[in-house]
Amino acid sequence: MWKVEEKMLSLRNEAQAANLSRFFKTGKGEYGEGDNFLGIKVPQTRQVVKESWNDCSLEELEHLVMCEWHEIRLCGLLILVEKFKNVKEEERARYIKFYLGHTEYINNWDLVDLSCYELLGRWLMDKDRALLYDLAVNGKTLWEKRIAMVTCMQFVRHGDYDDCLEIANILTDDKRDLIQKAIGWLLREVGKRDMNLLRKFIEEHYDKMGRTALRYAIEKMDETERKRWLNYR
């Protein structure tokens, strides 16, 4: 057994696992159907990452990311993030290739949200971003499309909004709840920095926007404006 896996298994908590299974919707027909939880909280996982990332080989990392246990997959992804952050630019490409080659195992919203903008977002800051548009349009799963949207958080934090708005527009017709929430979340982040730009986007795309995306997007507006948008015709 790999060392990181052994550390994670030692932290198993059955009672907490049951709670997490419900929280991450693992029932039949739900978005996390069939996923398995050990009951490990994220701070505990991050501590394992802190202790282990430097000594974790790519072979071990692949084992972790492909593991049946949700928290071990998360641990592997967070180790990948740390490795990416701590190597020279010319070495980062192999970690991005690894990430994109294992998206089928990045199969819940926390796995996406805690990895994609720290990896793909950082990588693409000064590069062509066509791969995000490919994921948004041609992504085979809900999770690949969410990766396309949430990766834009890195750009937004640096005052670069164009790709976020374009990908939000591409995904607006996807009415799945976790896509709509991602759209709304990222638009809200744009609005925190440029509220007029958010207003312009909503004005132009209101007819296509799902109610969930709209509600998330306007959360930081004052109550009067929120009500106006929710009743806008």
C-alpha atoms as a PDB file:
ATOM      1  CA  MET A   1       0.000   0.000   0.000  1.00  0.00           C
ATOM      2  CA  TRP A   2       1.228   3.501  -0.859  1.00  0.00           C
ATOM      3  CA  LYS A   3       2.189   5.695   2.115  1.00  0.00           C
ATOM      4  CA  VAL A   4      -0.305   8.484   1.426  1.00  0.00           C
ATOM      5  CA  GLU A   5      -3.139   6.021   1.023  1.00  0.00           C
ATOM      6  CA  GLU A   6      -2.173   4.386   4.313  1.00  0.00           C
ATOM      7  CA  LYS A   7      -2.177   7.754   6.094  1.00  0.00           C
ATOM      8  CA  MET A   8      -5.589   8.621   4.712  1.00  0.00           C
ATOM      9  CA  LEU A   9      -7.132   5.262   5.588  1.00  0.00           C
ATOM     10  CA  SER A  10      -5.929   5.674   9.171  1.00  0.00           C
ATOM     11  CA  LEU A  11      -8.120   8.804   9.452  1.00  0.00           C
ATOM     12  CA  ARG A  12     -11.322   6.996   8.486  1.00  0.00           C
ATOM     13  CA  ASN A  13     -14.466   8.070  10.367  1.00  0.00           C
ATOM     14  CA  GLU A  14     -17.573   6.000   9.628  1.00  0.00           C
ATOM     15  CA  ALA A  15     -20.071   8.440  11.138  1.00  0.00           C
ATOM     16  CA  GLN A  16     -18.638  11.349   9.199  1.00  0.00           C
ATOM     17  CA  ALA A  17     -18.582   9.215   6.039  1.00  0.00           C
ATOM     18  CA  ALA A  18     -22.346   8.786   6.208  1.00  0.00           C
ATOM     19  CA  ASN A  19     -22.811  12.556   6.497  1.00  0.00           C
ATOM     20  CA  LEU A  20     -20.497  13.253   3.578  1.00  0.00           C
ATOM     21  CA  SER A  21     -22.216  10.649   1.416  1.00  0.00           C
ATOM     22  CA  ARG A  22     -25.497  12.494   1.908  1.00  0.00           C
ATOM     23  CA  PHE A  23     -23.942  15.933   1.441  1.00  0.00           C
ATOM     24  CA  PHE A  24     -22.264  14.984  -1.843  1.00  0.00           C
ATOM     25  CA  LYS A  25     -25.425  13.327  -3.220  1.00  0.00           C
ATOM     26  CA  THR A  26     -24.250   9.750  -3.692  1.00  0.00           C
ATOM     27  CA  GLY A  27     -27.722   8.213  -3.916  1.00  0.00           C
ATOM     28  CA  LYS A  28     -29.158   6.576  -7.010  1.00  0.00           C
ATOM     29  CA  GLY A  29     -29.717   9.118  -9.757  1.00  0.00           C
ATOM     30  CA  GLU A  30     -27.865  11.879  -7.900  1.00  0.00           C
ATOM     31  CA  TYR A  31     -24.774  13.632  -9.270  1.00  0.00           C
ATOM     32  CA  GLY A  32     -22.376  11.737  -6.976  1.00  0.00           C
ATOM     33  CA  GLU A  33     -24.020   8.356  -7.383  1.00  0.00           C
ATOM     34  CA  GLY A  34     -21.826   5.490  -6.209  1.00  0.00           C
ATOM     35  CA  ASP A  35     -18.993   7.585  -4.766  1.00  0.00           C
ATOM     36  CA  ASN A  36     -17.382   6.239  -1.591  1.00  0.00           C
ATOM     37  CA  PHE A  37     -16.334   8.312   1.420  1.00  0.00           C
ATOM     38  CA  LEU A  38     -13.943   7.687   4.282  1.00  0.00           C
ATOM     39  CA  GLY A  39     -15.297  10.506   6.417  1.00  0.00           C
ATOM     40  CA  ILE A  40     -12.144  12.670   6.388  1.00  0.00           C
ATOM     41  CA  LYS A  41     -12.497  16.440   6.691  1.00  0.00           C
ATOM     42  CA  VAL A  42     -10.661  18.718   4.263  1.00  0.00           C
ATOM     43  CA  PRO A  43      -8.267  20.204   6.895  1.00  0.00           C
ATOM     44  CA  GLN A  44      -7.145  16.669   7.749  1.00  0.00           C
ATOM     45  CA  THR A  45      -6.579  15.926   4.079  1.00  0.00           C
ATOM     46  CA  ARG A  46      -4.601  19.137   3.665  1.00  0.00           C
ATOM     47  CA  GLN A  47      -2.369  18.137   6.565  1.00  0.00           C
ATOM     48  CA  VAL A  48      -1.578  14.835   4.827  1.00  0.00           C
ATOM     49  CA  VAL A  49      -0.824  16.799   1.660  1.00  0.00           C
ATOM     50  CA  LYS A  50       1.528  19.112   3.566  1.00  0.00           C
ATOM     51  CA  GLU A  51       3.402  16.133   4.983  1.00  0.00           C
ATOM     52  CA  SER A  52       3.509  14.100   1.782  1.00  0.00           C
ATOM     53  CA  TRP A  53       3.514  16.110  -1.433  1.00  0.00           C
ATOM     54  CA  ASN A  54       7.256  16.428  -1.865  1.00  0.00           C
ATOM     55  CA  ASP A  55       7.926  12.691  -1.640  1.00  0.00           C
ATOM     56  CA  CYS A  56       4.947  11.542  -3.700  1.00  0.00           C
ATOM     57  CA  SER A  57       5.952  10.076  -7.071  1.00  0.00           C
ATOM     58  CA  LEU A  58       3.860  10.456 -10.212  1.00  0.00           C
ATOM     59  CA  GLU A  59       3.134   6.734 -10.024  1.00  0.00           C
ATOM     60  CA  GLU A  60       1.767   7.071  -6.507  1.00  0.00           C
ATOM     61  CA  LEU A  61      -0.099  10.208  -7.525  1.00  0.00           C
ATOM     62  CA  GLU A  62      -1.881   8.330 -10.294  1.00  0.00           C
ATOM     63  CA  HIS A  63      -2.919   5.647  -7.819  1.00  0.00           C
ATOM     64  CA  LEU A  64      -4.351   8.308  -5.502  1.00  0.00           C
ATOM     65  CA  VAL A  65      -6.268  10.185  -8.187  1.00  0.00           C
ATOM     66  CA  MET A  66      -7.801   6.959  -9.493  1.00  0.00           C
ATOM     67  CA  CYS A  67      -8.715   5.637  -6.033  1.00  0.00           C
ATOM     68  CA  GLU A  68     -12.273   4.547  -5.200  1.00  0.00           C
ATOM     69  CA  TRP A  69     -12.266   6.755  -2.088  1.00  0.00           C
ATOM     70  CA  HIS A  70     -13.328  10.345  -2.640  1.00  0.00           C
ATOM     71  CA  GLU A  71     -11.010  11.893  -0.055  1.00  0.00           C
ATOM     72  CA  ILE A  72      -7.996  10.022  -1.394  1.00  0.00           C
ATOM     73  CA  ARG A  73      -8.730  11.354  -4.887  1.00  0.00           C
ATOM     74  CA  LEU A  74      -8.937  14.827  -3.378  1.00  0.00           C
ATOM     75  CA  CYS A  75      -5.640  14.282  -1.579  1.00  0.00           C
ATOM     76  CA  GLY A  76      -4.022  13.267  -4.856  1.00  0.00           C
ATOM     77  CA  LEU A  77      -5.342  16.347  -6.633  1.00  0.00           C
ATOM     78  CA  LEU A  78      -4.128  18.656  -3.862  1.00  0.00           C
ATOM     79  CA  ILE A  79      -0.706  17.024  -3.991  1.00  0.00           C
ATOM     80  CA  LEU A  80      -0.717  17.648  -7.744  1.00  0.00           C
ATOM     81  CA  VAL A  81      -1.458  21.322  -7.080  1.00  0.00           C
ATOM     82  CA  GLU A  82       1.462  21.564  -4.647  1.00  0.00           C
ATOM     83  CA  LYS A  83       3.855  19.878  -7.038  1.00  0.00           C
ATOM     84  CA  PHE A  84       2.752  22.199  -9.834  1.00  0.00           C
ATOM     85  CA  LYS A  85       3.309  25.272  -7.683  1.00  0.00           C
ATOM     86  CA  ASN A  86       6.777  24.183  -6.648  1.00  0.00           C
ATOM     87  CA  VAL A  87       8.426  23.338  -9.975  1.00  0.00           C
ATOM     88  CA  LYS A  88       9.893  25.529 -12.681  1.00  0.00           C
ATOM     89  CA  GLU A  89       7.670  26.682 -15.525  1.00  0.00           C
ATOM     90  CA  GLU A  90       9.205  24.279 -18.033  1.00  0.00           C
ATOM     91  CA  GLU A  91       8.324  21.301 -15.805  1.00  0.00           C
ATOM     92  CA  ARG A  92       4.686  22.255 -15.261  1.00  0.00           C
ATOM     93  CA  ALA A  93       3.401  20.938 -18.583  1.00  0.00           C
ATOM     94  CA  ARG A  94       3.600  17.313 -17.453  1.00  0.00           C
ATOM     95  CA  TYR A  95       1.351  18.033 -14.464  1.00  0.00           C
ATOM     96  CA  ILE A  96      -1.197  19.756 -16.679  1.00  0.00           C
ATOM     97  CA  LYS A  97      -1.125  16.803 -19.067  1.00  0.00           C
ATOM     98  CA  PHE A  98      -1.632  14.478 -16.105  1.00  0.00           C
ATOM     99  CA  TYR A  99      -4.597  16.536 -14.857  1.00  0.00           C
ATOM    100  CA  LEU A 100      -6.337  16.659 -18.230  1.00  0.00           C
ATOM    101  CA  GLY A 101      -5.703  12.950 -18.703  1.00  0.00           C
ATOM    102  CA  HIS A 102      -7.537  12.065 -15.490  1.00  0.00           C
ATOM    103  CA  THR A 103     -10.671  14.223 -15.601  1.00  0.00           C
ATOM    104  CA  GLU A 104     -12.916  11.153 -15.389  1.00  0.00           C
ATOM    105  CA  TYR A 105     -11.771  10.801 -11.766  1.00  0.00           C
ATOM    106  CA  ILE A 106     -12.350  14.486 -10.965  1.00  0.00           C
ATOM    107  CA  ASN A 107     -16.001  13.690 -10.535  1.00  0.00           C
ATOM    108  CA  ASN A 108     -17.527  15.914  -7.889  1.00  0.00           C
ATOM    109  CA  TRP A 109     -17.747  19.642  -7.399  1.00  0.00           C
ATOM    110  CA  ASP A 110     -15.193  19.858  -4.574  1.00  0.00           C
ATOM    111  CA  LEU A 111     -12.629  17.888  -6.585  1.00  0.00           C
ATOM    112  CA  VAL A 112     -13.121  20.326  -9.462  1.00  0.00           C
ATOM    113  CA  ASP A 113     -13.224  23.510  -7.428  1.00  0.00           C
ATOM    114  CA  LEU A 114     -10.172  22.811  -5.267  1.00  0.00           C
ATOM    115  CA  SER A 115      -7.938  21.906  -8.184  1.00  0.00           C
ATOM    116  CA  CYS A 116      -8.818  23.421 -11.541  1.00  0.00           C
ATOM    117  CA  TYR A 117      -8.124  27.129 -11.126  1.00  0.00           C
ATOM    118  CA  GLU A 118      -4.972  26.449  -9.130  1.00  0.00           C
ATOM    119  CA  LEU A 119      -3.668  24.221 -11.924  1.00  0.00           C
ATOM    120  CA  LEU A 120      -5.230  25.099 -15.267  1.00  0.00           C
ATOM    121  CA  GLY A 121      -5.908  28.672 -14.224  1.00  0.00           C
ATOM    122  CA  ARG A 122      -2.311  29.355 -13.243  1.00  0.00           C
ATOM    123  CA  TRP A 123      -1.010  27.527 -16.307  1.00  0.00           C
ATOM    124  CA  LEU A 124      -3.199  29.450 -18.727  1.00  0.00           C
ATOM    125  CA  MET A 125      -2.614  32.924 -17.340  1.00  0.00           C
ATOM    126  CA  ASP A 126      -0.167  33.703 -20.145  1.00  0.00           C
ATOM    127  CA  LYS A 127      -1.270  31.089 -22.700  1.00  0.00           C
ATOM    128  CA  ASP A 128      -3.961  30.398 -25.255  1.00  0.00           C
ATOM    129  CA  ARG A 129      -7.117  29.236 -23.514  1.00  0.00           C
ATOM    130  CA  ALA A 130      -8.717  27.266 -26.320  1.00  0.00           C
ATOM    131  CA  LEU A 131      -8.748  24.075 -24.256  1.00  0.00           C
ATOM    132  CA  LEU A 132     -11.254  25.664 -21.850  1.00  0.00           C
ATOM    133  CA  TYR A 133     -13.604  26.434 -24.717  1.00  0.00           C
ATOM    134  CA  ASP A 134     -13.213  22.868 -25.922  1.00  0.00           C
ATOM    135  CA  LEU A 135     -14.167  21.577 -22.472  1.00  0.00           C
ATOM    136  CA  ALA A 136     -17.118  23.966 -22.297  1.00  0.00           C
ATOM    137  CA  VAL A 137     -18.463  22.937 -25.716  1.00  0.00           C
ATOM    138  CA  ASN A 138     -17.344  19.326 -26.041  1.00  0.00           C
ATOM    139  CA  GLY A 139     -16.796  18.203 -22.452  1.00  0.00           C
ATOM    140  CA  LYS A 140     -18.133  14.685 -22.025  1.00  0.00           C
ATOM    141  CA  THR A 141     -19.258  15.187 -18.448  1.00  0.00           C
ATOM    142  CA  LEU A 142     -20.798  17.740 -16.154  1.00  0.00           C
ATOM    143  CA  TRP A 143     -17.436  17.907 -14.395  1.00  0.00           C
ATOM    144  CA  GLU A 144     -15.388  18.783 -17.486  1.00  0.00           C
ATOM    145  CA  LYS A 145     -17.789  21.628 -18.217  1.00  0.00           C
ATOM    146  CA  ARG A 146     -17.562  22.826 -14.619  1.00  0.00           C
ATOM    147  CA  ILE A 147     -13.755  22.726 -14.896  1.00  0.00           C
ATOM    148  CA  ALA A 148     -14.012  25.076 -17.882  1.00  0.00           C
ATOM    149  CA  MET A 149     -16.085  27.549 -15.877  1.00  0.00           C
ATOM    150  CA  VAL A 150     -14.344  27.435 -12.488  1.00  0.00           C
ATOM    151  CA  THR A 151     -10.843  27.613 -13.980  1.00  0.00           C
ATOM    152  CA  CYS A 152     -11.718  31.189 -14.923  1.00  0.00           C
ATOM    153  CA  MET A 153     -11.561  32.141 -11.233  1.00  0.00           C
ATOM    154  CA  GLN A 154      -7.801  32.565 -11.612  1.00  0.00           C
ATOM    155  CA  PHE A 155      -8.260  35.037 -14.475  1.00  0.00           C
ATOM    156  CA  VAL A 156     -10.999  36.957 -12.675  1.00  0.00           C
ATOM    157  CA  ARG A 157      -8.795  37.387  -9.615  1.00  0.00           C
ATOM    158  CA  HIS A 158      -6.259  39.045 -11.887  1.00  0.00           C
ATOM    159  CA  GLY A 159      -8.806  41.420 -13.419  1.00  0.00           C
ATOM    160  CA  ASP A 160      -9.145  39.418 -16.650  1.00  0.00           C
ATOM    161  CA  TYR A 161     -12.861  38.807 -17.304  1.00  0.00           C
ATOM    162  CA  ASP A 162     -13.305  38.098 -21.013  1.00  0.00           C
ATOM    163  CA  ASP A 163     -12.961  34.316 -20.963  1.00  0.00           C
ATOM    164  CA  CYS A 164     -15.126  34.007 -17.873  1.00  0.00           C
ATOM    165  CA  LEU A 165     -17.946  35.892 -19.575  1.00  0.00           C
ATOM    166  CA  GLU A 166     -17.573  34.001 -22.847  1.00  0.00           C
ATOM    167  CA  ILE A 167     -17.606  30.593 -21.169  1.00  0.00           C
ATOM    168  CA  ALA A 168     -20.530  31.619 -18.967  1.00  0.00           C
ATOM    169  CA  ASN A 169     -22.395  32.502 -22.162  1.00  0.00           C
ATOM    170  CA  ILE A 170     -21.504  29.148 -23.761  1.00  0.00           C
ATOM    171  CA  LEU A 171     -22.730  27.220 -20.724  1.00  0.00           C
ATOM    172  CA  THR A 172     -25.855  29.273 -20.023  1.00  0.00           C
ATOM    173  CA  ASP A 173     -28.077  26.808 -21.891  1.00  0.00           C
ATOM    174  CA  ASP A 174     -26.883  23.953 -19.659  1.00  0.00           C
ATOM    175  CA  LYS A 175     -29.560  23.902 -16.968  1.00  0.00           C
ATOM    176  CA  ARG A 176     -27.904  21.356 -14.693  1.00  0.00           C
ATOM    177  CA  ASP A 177     -27.786  22.759 -11.182  1.00  0.00           C
ATOM    178  CA  LEU A 178     -24.038  22.462 -10.658  1.00  0.00           C
ATOM    179  CA  ILE A 179     -23.326  24.231 -13.942  1.00  0.00           C
ATOM    180  CA  GLN A 180     -25.794  27.002 -13.172  1.00  0.00           C
ATOM    181  CA  LYS A 181     -24.261  27.464  -9.712  1.00  0.00           C
ATOM    182  CA  ALA A 182     -20.775  27.649 -11.198  1.00  0.00           C
ATOM    183  CA  ILE A 183     -21.881  30.236 -13.746  1.00  0.00           C
ATOM    184  CA  GLY A 184     -23.552  32.339 -11.080  1.00  0.00           C
ATOM    185  CA  TRP A 185     -20.607  32.059  -8.707  1.00  0.00           C
ATOM    186  CA  LEU A 186     -18.092  33.203 -11.310  1.00  0.00           C
ATOM    187  CA  LEU A 187     -20.321  36.033 -12.500  1.00  0.00           C
ATOM    188  CA  ARG A 188     -20.695  37.173  -8.897  1.00  0.00           C
ATOM    189  CA  GLU A 189     -16.888  37.261  -8.634  1.00  0.00           C
ATOM    190  CA  VAL A 190     -16.776  39.469 -11.724  1.00  0.00           C
ATOM    191  CA  GLY A 191     -19.415  41.706 -10.181  1.00  0.00           C
ATOM    192  CA  LYS A 192     -17.378  42.154  -6.997  1.00  0.00           C
ATOM    193  CA  ARG A 193     -14.739  43.810  -9.147  1.00  0.00           C
ATOM    194  CA  ASP A 194     -16.848  45.426 -11.879  1.00  0.00           C
ATOM    195  CA  MET A 195     -20.551  45.578 -11.100  1.00  0.00           C
ATOM    196  CA  ASN A 196     -21.395  47.437 -14.290  1.00  0.00           C
ATOM    197  CA  LEU A 197     -19.833  44.663 -16.362  1.00  0.00           C
ATOM    198  CA  LEU A 198     -21.978  42.118 -14.512  1.00  0.00           C
ATOM    199  CA  ARG A 199     -25.079  44.229 -15.124  1.00  0.00           C
ATOM    200  CA  LYS A 200     -24.239  44.410 -18.816  1.00  0.00           C
ATOM    201  CA  PHE A 201     -23.837  40.624 -19.030  1.00  0.00           C
ATOM    202  CA  ILE A 202     -27.154  39.983 -17.298  1.00  0.00           C
ATOM    203  CA  GLU A 203     -28.923  42.525 -19.499  1.00  0.00           C
ATOM    204  CA  GLU A 204     -27.618  40.847 -22.652  1.00  0.00           C
ATOM    205  CA  HIS A 205     -28.158  37.237 -21.551  1.00  0.00           C
ATOM    206  CA  TYR A 206     -31.099  37.468 -19.184  1.00  0.00           C
ATOM    207  CA  ASP A 207     -33.466  35.514 -21.431  1.00  0.00           C
ATOM    208  CA  LYS A 208     -31.114  32.512 -21.446  1.00  0.00           C
ATOM    209  CA  MET A 209     -29.940  32.609 -17.845  1.00  0.00           C
ATOM    210  CA  GLY A 210     -31.298  30.015 -15.468  1.00  0.00           C
ATOM    211  CA  ARG A 211     -32.861  31.240 -12.249  1.00  0.00           C
ATOM    212  CA  THR A 212     -30.122  29.611 -10.152  1.00  0.00           C
ATOM    213  CA  ALA A 213     -27.305  31.297 -12.074  1.00  0.00           C
ATOM    214  CA  LEU A 214     -29.075  34.638 -11.820  1.00  0.00           C
ATOM    215  CA  ARG A 215     -29.643  34.357  -8.071  1.00  0.00           C
ATOM    216  CA  TYR A 216     -25.993  33.493  -7.455  1.00  0.00           C
ATOM    217  CA  ALA A 217     -24.778  36.270  -9.763  1.00  0.00           C
ATOM    218  CA  ILE A 218     -26.733  39.073  -8.081  1.00  0.00           C
ATOM    219  CA  GLU A 219     -26.087  38.116  -4.446  1.00  0.00           C
ATOM    220  CA  LYS A 220     -23.830  41.114  -3.795  1.00  0.00           C
ATOM    221  CA  MET A 221     -26.273  43.660  -5.215  1.00  0.00           C
ATOM    222  CA  ASP A 222     -28.509  45.586  -2.845  1.00  0.00           C
ATOM    223  CA  GLU A 223     -31.967  44.181  -2.158  1.00  0.00           C
ATOM    224  CA  THR A 224     -33.782  46.629  -4.421  1.00  0.00           C
ATOM    225  CA  GLU A 225     -31.634  45.780  -7.419  1.00  0.00           C
ATOM    226  CA  ARG A 226     -31.832  42.042  -6.730  1.00  0.00           C
ATOM    227  CA  LYS A 227     -35.629  42.225  -6.724  1.00  0.00           C
ATOM    228  CA  ARG A 228     -35.577  44.225  -9.945  1.00  0.00           C
ATOM    229  CA  TRP A 229     -33.486  41.611 -11.741  1.00  0.00           C
ATOM    230  CA  LEU A 230     -35.554  38.723 -10.403  1.00  0.00           C
ATOM    231  CA  ASN A 231     -38.691  40.377 -11.762  1.00  0.00           C
ATOM    232  CA  TYR A 232     -37.120  41.821 -14.910  1.00  0.00           C
ATOM    233  CA  ARG A 233     -38.979  41.418 -18.176  1.00  0.00           C
END
